[in-house]
Structure formats: structure tokens, C-alpha cells
Amino acid sequence: MTESQAANTNPTNTEEGKLVITRTFNAPRELVFKVWTESEHLKHWWGPTGMSLEVIKLDLRPGGMFHYGMRSPDGHEMWGKFVYQEIVAPEKIIFLNSFSDAEGNTISPPFSSEFPLEVMNIVTFAEHEGQTTLTLRGGPHNATAEEHAFYKGMFDSMQQGFGGTFDQLDAYLAKI
């Protein structure tokens, strides 16, 4: 991560037990929103560093789904999905995020059955002088106390994961 990228990533915050990440990108809000909402763009940057992404389905509307498959360099596969709750172009996207099987059914993540099945994410986009500040707020949805506690215990790992994903987004925005 470059010094400017590090300066543009706020530390993890525990606002109401939620993971909060803020990152500023050197691109207009409409473009940043577009790369969050179109499959031809998402496949180039979404997901953990080193994983390739296949968009299985993208239906951008409340109740619609972004279903994707990821493959590691050694061939390990896993799937995930967003179920969109609200879309206010180009200001906000609210979605439930979960791990899924290849058919799009919600499943427990491969690393722990204690991680919440669903995480509600609110992503906002604010533009200032041609740059876009993106804020992601995520927290367990319909989760037990144990799942909430496990989620909070994952903040450092999730911060690193989203940091890598947002680095990929930053690099992608610089190329298009």
C-alpha cells in the first residue's frame, strides 16, 4: 500500500458494532458508483487479492442479486452474493452480503460457522473536488449474540481484506 493509500484508509471503527471503512479514490463519484454496479467492472477488482472473479448474475435492483464465484490461484473455489436492499445512484448502495453455494443459496462461510450468515452493508459515495470518498458500514443481520461477537473479533482481518480489495479498486480506477 502506498503512503497516499494508507492516508486515505481510516482505521476500523466499531460504530454500533459495525465495521466502518472509509477510503478516498481519485475518480468522480459517478465512475466509482458505476464500477460498483456493473459486472464488466466488478470482475476486475471485487474480492480478495489474488482471487479471480466470475460474475454469475447481476440484477441491480432492490431484491436483485449479485452472485459471484471466486477462484484462488491453487484452484480453490467459493461463492458469494449481495442481495440489494436499496440503490440510490450515485449516492448509496445497501445490500446483504453472504457466502453462497454455486446456485446462490446462502451458506455458512468456509472458515467458521460462527460468522453471521448475512452482513448488512451500506456503501456511500461522496464527491469533493473530483475525488470520491467511499464509506462502507457493515454489521451482522439477524445474527445471534455469538455471531455478533465473532464478527467483532474479525475486524482486523476484514480491515486487511477490504484494504486489499480497495487497493484493487484504486488500481482499476486508474486504468479506466
Protein backbone atom coordinates (compact mmCIF):
# COMPACT_ATOMS: atom_id res chain seq x y z
CA MET A 1 0.00 0.00 0.00
CA THR A 2 1.36 3.39 -0.93
CA GLU A 3 1.62 6.21 1.60
CA SER A 4 -1.28 8.06 -0.05
CA GLN A 5 -3.45 4.93 0.05
CA ALA A 6 -2.65 4.41 3.71
CA ALA A 7 -3.57 8.02 4.42
CA ASN A 8 -6.89 7.51 2.64
CA THR A 9 -7.95 4.47 4.64
CA ASN A 10 -9.40 5.19 8.04
CA PRO A 11 -8.81 2.65 10.78
CA THR A 12 -11.53 0.21 11.70
CA ASN A 13 -14.25 1.78 13.76
CA THR A 14 -16.71 -0.02 15.99
CA GLU A 15 -19.69 2.27 15.32
CA GLU A 16 -22.63 0.34 16.79
CA GLY A 17 -20.68 -2.92 16.44
CA LYS A 18 -20.16 -2.30 12.73
CA LEU A 19 -17.04 -2.41 10.63
CA VAL A 20 -16.56 1.07 9.16
CA ILE A 21 -14.02 1.70 6.42
CA THR A 22 -13.55 4.99 4.60
CA ARG A 23 -11.39 5.34 1.51
CA THR A 24 -10.90 8.21 -0.94
CA PHE A 25 -10.40 7.49 -4.64
CA ASN A 26 -9.06 9.86 -7.26
CA ALA A 27 -12.12 9.45 -9.52
CA PRO A 28 -15.54 11.10 -9.85
CA ARG A 29 -18.43 9.64 -7.89
CA GLU A 30 -20.38 8.55 -10.98
CA LEU A 31 -17.43 6.42 -12.12
CA VAL A 32 -16.83 4.86 -8.70
CA PHE A 33 -20.54 4.07 -8.41
CA LYS A 34 -20.51 2.57 -11.94
CA VAL A 35 -17.64 0.17 -11.16
CA TRP A 36 -19.60 -1.00 -8.07
CA THR A 37 -22.73 -1.72 -10.10
CA GLU A 38 -21.69 -3.20 -13.47
CA SER A 39 -20.44 -6.76 -13.95
CA GLU A 40 -17.84 -5.84 -16.57
CA HIS A 41 -16.15 -3.69 -13.92
CA LEU A 42 -16.75 -5.74 -10.73
CA LYS A 43 -14.96 -8.76 -12.17
CA HIS A 44 -11.73 -6.73 -12.33
CA TRP A 45 -11.48 -5.67 -8.69
CA TRP A 46 -14.03 -7.19 -6.27
CA GLY A 47 -12.83 -9.85 -3.87
CA PRO A 48 -9.71 -10.88 -2.00
CA THR A 49 -6.33 -10.10 -3.51
CA GLY A 50 -5.15 -12.94 -5.74
CA MET A 51 -8.60 -14.37 -6.44
CA SER A 52 -10.16 -14.31 -9.89
CA LEU A 53 -13.85 -13.41 -10.02
CA GLU A 54 -16.63 -14.63 -12.26
CA VAL A 55 -19.92 -12.75 -12.27
CA ILE A 56 -22.65 -15.38 -12.36
CA LYS A 57 -25.55 -12.94 -12.11
CA LEU A 58 -26.01 -9.21 -11.58
CA ASP A 59 -29.53 -7.87 -11.17
CA LEU A 60 -29.11 -4.33 -9.83
CA ARG A 61 -32.45 -3.51 -8.21
CA PRO A 62 -33.94 -3.84 -4.74
CA GLY A 63 -34.41 -7.59 -4.25
CA GLY A 64 -31.96 -8.32 -7.07
CA MET A 65 -28.73 -10.23 -6.63
CA PHE A 66 -25.05 -10.02 -7.49
CA HIS A 67 -23.90 -13.66 -7.40
CA TYR A 68 -20.23 -14.36 -7.99
CA GLY A 69 -17.68 -17.14 -7.91
CA MET A 70 -14.09 -16.73 -6.81
CA ARG A 71 -11.12 -18.95 -7.58
CA SER A 72 -7.73 -18.91 -5.88
CA PRO A 73 -4.53 -19.50 -7.87
CA ASP A 74 -4.42 -23.07 -6.50
CA GLY A 75 -7.97 -23.78 -7.77
CA HIS A 76 -9.98 -23.37 -4.53
CA GLU A 77 -13.46 -22.09 -5.34
CA MET A 78 -16.05 -20.27 -3.26
CA TRP A 79 -19.12 -18.18 -3.96
CA GLY A 80 -20.75 -15.13 -2.51
CA LYS A 81 -23.68 -12.86 -3.13
CA PHE A 82 -25.17 -9.47 -2.48
CA VAL A 83 -28.93 -9.13 -2.21
CA TYR A 84 -29.65 -5.48 -2.92
CA GLN A 85 -31.92 -3.68 -0.47
CA GLU A 86 -31.67 -0.09 -1.73
CA ILE A 87 -29.89 1.68 -4.58
CA VAL A 88 -29.70 5.45 -4.82
CA ALA A 89 -27.48 6.24 -7.82
CA PRO A 90 -24.78 7.52 -7.44
CA GLU A 91 -25.00 8.05 -3.67
CA LYS A 92 -25.67 4.79 -1.88
CA ILE A 93 -25.97 1.02 -2.15
CA ILE A 94 -27.40 -1.12 0.66
CA PHE A 95 -27.03 -4.88 0.37
CA LEU A 96 -27.00 -8.09 2.38
CA ASN A 97 -23.71 -9.89 1.79
CA SER A 98 -23.28 -13.60 2.39
CA PHE A 99 -21.36 -16.64 1.31
CA SER A 100 -23.28 -18.88 -1.04
CA ASP A 101 -23.08 -22.11 -2.94
CA ALA A 102 -22.75 -22.26 -6.73
CA GLU A 103 -26.54 -21.97 -7.07
CA GLY A 104 -26.76 -18.80 -4.94
CA ASN A 105 -28.16 -20.36 -1.76
CA THR A 106 -26.89 -18.72 1.44
CA ILE A 107 -24.41 -20.90 3.35
CA SER A 108 -22.05 -20.54 6.30
CA PRO A 109 -18.59 -19.30 5.32
CA PRO A 110 -15.94 -21.99 4.87
CA PHE A 111 -13.82 -20.60 7.72
CA SER A 112 -16.40 -20.62 10.55
CA SER A 113 -19.98 -21.48 11.36
CA GLU A 114 -19.87 -18.69 13.98
CA PHE A 115 -19.63 -15.93 11.35
CA PRO A 116 -23.06 -14.36 10.65
CA LEU A 117 -24.92 -15.77 7.65
CA GLU A 118 -25.74 -12.25 6.48
CA VAL A 119 -23.94 -8.93 6.82
CA MET A 120 -25.83 -5.72 6.04
CA ASN A 121 -23.56 -3.31 4.18
CA ILE A 122 -24.22 0.34 3.48
CA VAL A 123 -21.85 1.89 0.95
CA THR A 124 -22.00 5.65 0.44
CA PHE A 125 -20.24 7.72 -2.21
CA ALA A 126 -19.44 11.41 -1.66
CA GLU A 127 -17.59 13.56 -4.18
CA HIS A 128 -15.35 16.53 -3.39
CA GLU A 129 -13.19 18.24 -6.00
CA GLY A 130 -13.24 15.27 -8.36
CA GLN A 131 -12.40 12.68 -5.72
CA THR A 132 -14.82 10.20 -4.22
CA THR A 133 -14.90 9.24 -0.58
CA LEU A 134 -16.45 5.82 -0.16
CA THR A 135 -17.65 4.72 3.26
CA LEU A 136 -18.59 1.10 3.91
CA ARG A 137 -20.51 0.29 7.09
CA GLY A 138 -21.19 -3.38 7.69
CA GLY A 139 -22.68 -5.38 10.51
CA PRO A 140 -24.38 -8.69 11.22
CA HIS A 141 -28.02 -9.01 10.17
CA ASN A 142 -30.45 -11.31 12.01
CA ALA A 143 -27.49 -12.66 13.99
CA THR A 144 -27.05 -14.21 17.42
CA ALA A 145 -25.00 -12.59 20.18
CA GLU A 146 -22.27 -15.15 19.48
CA GLU A 147 -22.22 -14.24 15.78
CA HIS A 148 -22.01 -10.53 16.67
CA ALA A 149 -19.05 -11.25 18.96
CA PHE A 150 -17.30 -13.38 16.33
CA TYR A 151 -17.83 -10.65 13.72
CA LYS A 152 -16.27 -8.03 16.01
CA GLY A 153 -13.32 -10.35 16.53
CA MET A 154 -12.77 -10.40 12.76
CA PHE A 155 -12.43 -6.60 12.38
CA ASP A 156 -8.64 -6.62 11.88
CA SER A 157 -8.84 -9.40 9.29
CA MET A 158 -11.75 -7.75 7.47
CA GLN A 159 -9.92 -4.40 7.50
CA GLN A 160 -6.96 -6.06 5.77
CA GLY A 161 -9.23 -7.87 3.31
CA PHE A 162 -11.16 -4.76 2.34
CA GLY A 163 -7.88 -2.84 2.20
CA GLY A 164 -6.65 -5.27 -0.47
CA THR A 165 -9.95 -5.15 -2.34
CA PHE A 166 -9.96 -1.34 -2.27
CA ASP A 167 -6.32 -1.31 -3.45
CA GLN A 168 -7.51 -3.35 -6.45
CA LEU A 169 -10.37 -0.87 -6.98
CA ASP A 170 -7.93 2.04 -6.81
CA ALA A 171 -5.63 0.41 -9.39
CA TYR A 172 -8.59 -0.43 -11.65
CA LEU A 173 -9.93 3.14 -11.50
CA ALA A 174 -6.50 4.43 -12.51
CA LYS A 175 -6.58 2.23 -15.66
CA ILE A 176 -10.06 3.03 -16.99
